[in-house]
N, C-alpha and C. Protein backbone atom coordinates (compact mmCIF):
# COMPACT_ATOMS: atom_id res chain seq x y z
N UNK A 1 0.86 -1.18 0.00
CA UNK A 1 0.00 0.00 0.00
C UNK A 1 0.89 1.24 0.00
N UNK A 2 0.56 2.19 -0.86
CA UNK A 2 1.30 3.45 -0.94
C UNK A 2 0.53 4.54 -0.21
N UNK A 3 1.26 5.53 0.26
CA UNK A 3 0.66 6.70 0.89
C UNK A 3 1.05 7.95 0.11
N UNK A 4 0.22 8.99 0.24
CA UNK A 4 0.51 10.25 -0.44
C UNK A 4 1.41 11.13 0.42
N UNK A 5 1.64 12.35 -0.01
CA UNK A 5 2.49 13.31 0.69
C UNK A 5 2.05 13.53 2.13
N UNK A 6 0.74 13.47 2.40
CA UNK A 6 0.21 13.72 3.74
C UNK A 6 0.06 12.44 4.57
N UNK A 7 0.45 11.29 4.02
CA UNK A 7 0.36 10.04 4.75
C UNK A 7 -0.95 9.30 4.58
N UNK A 8 -1.84 9.78 3.69
CA UNK A 8 -3.10 9.09 3.42
C UNK A 8 -2.85 7.84 2.58
N UNK A 9 -3.51 6.73 2.91
CA UNK A 9 -3.41 5.52 2.11
C UNK A 9 -4.09 5.73 0.77
N UNK A 10 -3.45 5.25 -0.30
CA UNK A 10 -4.01 5.36 -1.64
C UNK A 10 -4.43 4.00 -2.15
N UNK A 11 -5.51 3.99 -2.93
CA UNK A 11 -6.01 2.76 -3.54
C UNK A 11 -6.32 3.04 -5.00
N UNK A 12 -6.37 2.00 -5.80
CA UNK A 12 -6.73 2.15 -7.20
C UNK A 12 -8.13 2.77 -7.28
N UNK A 13 -8.28 3.77 -8.15
CA UNK A 13 -9.54 4.47 -8.31
C UNK A 13 -9.61 5.79 -7.56
N UNK A 14 -8.68 6.03 -6.62
CA UNK A 14 -8.67 7.30 -5.89
C UNK A 14 -8.33 8.45 -6.82
N UNK A 15 -8.93 9.61 -6.54
CA UNK A 15 -8.61 10.84 -7.27
C UNK A 15 -7.48 11.53 -6.52
N UNK A 16 -6.50 12.02 -7.26
CA UNK A 16 -5.34 12.66 -6.66
C UNK A 16 -4.97 13.93 -7.42
N UNK A 17 -4.35 14.86 -6.72
CA UNK A 17 -3.69 16.00 -7.33
C UNK A 17 -2.20 15.68 -7.34
N UNK A 18 -1.51 16.03 -8.43
CA UNK A 18 -0.09 15.73 -8.54
C UNK A 18 0.60 16.80 -9.38
N UNK A 19 1.90 16.91 -9.18
CA UNK A 19 2.65 17.92 -9.93
C UNK A 19 2.91 17.43 -11.35
N UNK A 20 2.82 18.38 -12.28
CA UNK A 20 3.17 18.08 -13.67
C UNK A 20 4.69 18.01 -13.74
N UNK A 21 5.21 17.00 -14.38
CA UNK A 21 6.65 16.79 -14.43
C UNK A 21 7.42 18.02 -14.90
N UNK A 22 8.34 18.51 -14.07
CA UNK A 22 9.18 19.64 -14.43
C UNK A 22 8.51 21.00 -14.26
N UNK A 23 7.28 21.04 -13.77
CA UNK A 23 6.55 22.30 -13.63
C UNK A 23 5.97 22.40 -12.23
N UNK A 24 5.54 23.60 -11.86
CA UNK A 24 4.99 23.83 -10.52
C UNK A 24 3.49 23.67 -10.45
N UNK A 25 2.82 23.56 -11.58
CA UNK A 25 1.36 23.46 -11.55
C UNK A 25 0.91 22.05 -11.20
N UNK A 26 -0.34 21.97 -10.74
CA UNK A 26 -0.92 20.70 -10.32
C UNK A 26 -1.92 20.22 -11.37
N UNK A 27 -2.06 18.91 -11.46
CA UNK A 27 -3.05 18.27 -12.34
C UNK A 27 -3.91 17.34 -11.49
N UNK A 28 -5.06 17.00 -12.03
CA UNK A 28 -5.95 16.04 -11.39
C UNK A 28 -5.82 14.71 -12.12
N UNK A 29 -5.80 13.62 -11.35
CA UNK A 29 -5.67 12.30 -11.95
C UNK A 29 -6.34 11.23 -11.12
N UNK A 30 -6.31 10.02 -11.65
CA UNK A 30 -6.88 8.85 -10.98
C UNK A 30 -5.81 7.78 -10.86
N UNK A 31 -5.68 7.21 -9.67
CA UNK A 31 -4.70 6.15 -9.44
C UNK A 31 -5.15 4.90 -10.19
N UNK A 32 -4.26 4.37 -11.04
CA UNK A 32 -4.60 3.17 -11.82
C UNK A 32 -3.69 1.99 -11.48
N UNK A 33 -2.67 2.24 -10.65
CA UNK A 33 -1.80 1.15 -10.28
C UNK A 33 -0.60 1.64 -9.49
N UNK A 34 0.25 0.69 -9.13
CA UNK A 34 1.43 1.00 -8.34
C UNK A 34 2.62 0.22 -8.89
N UNK A 35 3.79 0.83 -8.83
CA UNK A 35 5.03 0.10 -9.08
C UNK A 35 5.73 -0.02 -7.73
N UNK A 36 6.92 -0.54 -7.74
CA UNK A 36 7.65 -0.70 -6.49
C UNK A 36 7.88 0.64 -5.79
N UNK A 37 8.12 1.71 -6.55
CA UNK A 37 8.45 3.01 -5.94
C UNK A 37 7.52 4.15 -6.34
N UNK A 38 6.66 3.95 -7.33
CA UNK A 38 5.82 5.07 -7.81
C UNK A 38 4.34 4.71 -7.85
N UNK A 39 3.55 5.74 -8.11
CA UNK A 39 2.10 5.60 -8.27
C UNK A 39 1.78 5.85 -9.74
N UNK A 40 1.05 4.94 -10.38
CA UNK A 40 0.65 5.12 -11.78
C UNK A 40 -0.65 5.92 -11.81
N UNK A 41 -0.67 7.00 -12.58
CA UNK A 41 -1.79 7.93 -12.59
C UNK A 41 -2.28 8.16 -14.02
N UNK A 42 -3.61 8.13 -14.18
CA UNK A 42 -4.25 8.49 -15.44
C UNK A 42 -4.65 9.97 -15.33
N UNK A 43 -4.25 10.76 -16.31
CA UNK A 43 -4.57 12.19 -16.30
C UNK A 43 -6.07 12.41 -16.47
N UNK A 44 -6.68 13.21 -15.59
CA UNK A 44 -8.06 13.63 -15.75
C UNK A 44 -8.13 15.09 -16.20
N UNK A 45 -7.05 15.84 -15.97
CA UNK A 45 -6.95 17.19 -16.51
C UNK A 45 -5.80 17.21 -17.51
N UNK A 46 -5.84 18.14 -18.43
CA UNK A 46 -4.88 18.16 -19.53
C UNK A 46 -3.58 18.83 -19.13
N UNK A 47 -2.45 18.14 -19.33
CA UNK A 47 -1.15 18.75 -19.06
C UNK A 47 -0.88 19.90 -20.05
N UNK A 48 -0.06 20.84 -19.64
CA UNK A 48 0.23 21.98 -20.51
C UNK A 48 1.09 21.61 -21.71
N UNK A 49 2.14 20.82 -21.49
CA UNK A 49 3.09 20.57 -22.57
C UNK A 49 3.27 19.11 -22.94
N UNK A 50 2.80 18.22 -22.11
CA UNK A 50 2.99 16.79 -22.32
C UNK A 50 1.67 16.20 -22.79
N UNK A 51 1.70 15.36 -23.79
CA UNK A 51 0.45 14.82 -24.35
C UNK A 51 0.19 13.37 -23.97
N UNK A 52 0.92 12.88 -22.97
CA UNK A 52 0.67 11.51 -22.51
C UNK A 52 -0.61 11.46 -21.68
N UNK A 53 -1.25 10.31 -21.63
CA UNK A 53 -2.47 10.13 -20.86
C UNK A 53 -2.19 9.56 -19.47
N UNK A 54 -0.98 9.04 -19.26
CA UNK A 54 -0.62 8.39 -18.01
C UNK A 54 0.75 8.87 -17.56
N UNK A 55 1.04 8.76 -16.28
CA UNK A 55 2.37 9.08 -15.77
C UNK A 55 2.61 8.30 -14.48
N UNK A 56 3.85 8.27 -14.06
CA UNK A 56 4.24 7.70 -12.76
C UNK A 56 4.78 8.83 -11.91
N UNK A 57 4.36 8.88 -10.64
CA UNK A 57 4.85 9.90 -9.72
C UNK A 57 5.24 9.25 -8.40
N UNK A 58 6.28 9.79 -7.80
CA UNK A 58 6.66 9.36 -6.46
C UNK A 58 5.62 9.88 -5.48
N UNK A 59 5.41 9.18 -4.36
CA UNK A 59 4.38 9.58 -3.39
C UNK A 59 4.52 11.00 -2.87
N UNK A 60 5.74 11.55 -2.84
CA UNK A 60 5.96 12.92 -2.33
C UNK A 60 5.32 13.98 -3.22
N UNK A 61 4.91 13.62 -4.45
CA UNK A 61 4.35 14.57 -5.40
C UNK A 61 2.86 14.33 -5.65
N UNK A 62 2.21 13.57 -4.77
CA UNK A 62 0.81 13.19 -4.94
C UNK A 62 0.04 13.45 -3.65
N UNK A 63 -1.19 14.01 -3.80
CA UNK A 63 -2.07 14.25 -2.64
C UNK A 63 -3.47 13.75 -2.96
N UNK A 64 -4.04 12.97 -2.06
CA UNK A 64 -5.40 12.45 -2.20
C UNK A 64 -6.40 13.61 -2.22
N UNK A 65 -7.41 13.53 -3.09
CA UNK A 65 -8.42 14.58 -3.23
C UNK A 65 -9.79 13.97 -2.94
N UNK A 66 -10.59 14.63 -2.12
CA UNK A 66 -11.99 14.30 -1.98
C UNK A 66 -12.37 13.12 -1.10
N UNK A 67 -11.58 12.73 -0.15
CA UNK A 67 -11.98 11.66 0.77
C UNK A 67 -11.93 12.16 2.17
């Protein structure tokens, strides 16, 4: 089980806010899986410069939204 920046437990299907890679702005996403060290996220809001639909983020860059 992974936790977010604030120590909240994360599960597949949770909505999260996360930093866009290399930028200071935040995006909204949905947790779709976990790797050994990162959280796999599906983008729900559109990134400014990156056109991928999915990304991996370390827990320090992710915060649970709406629970």
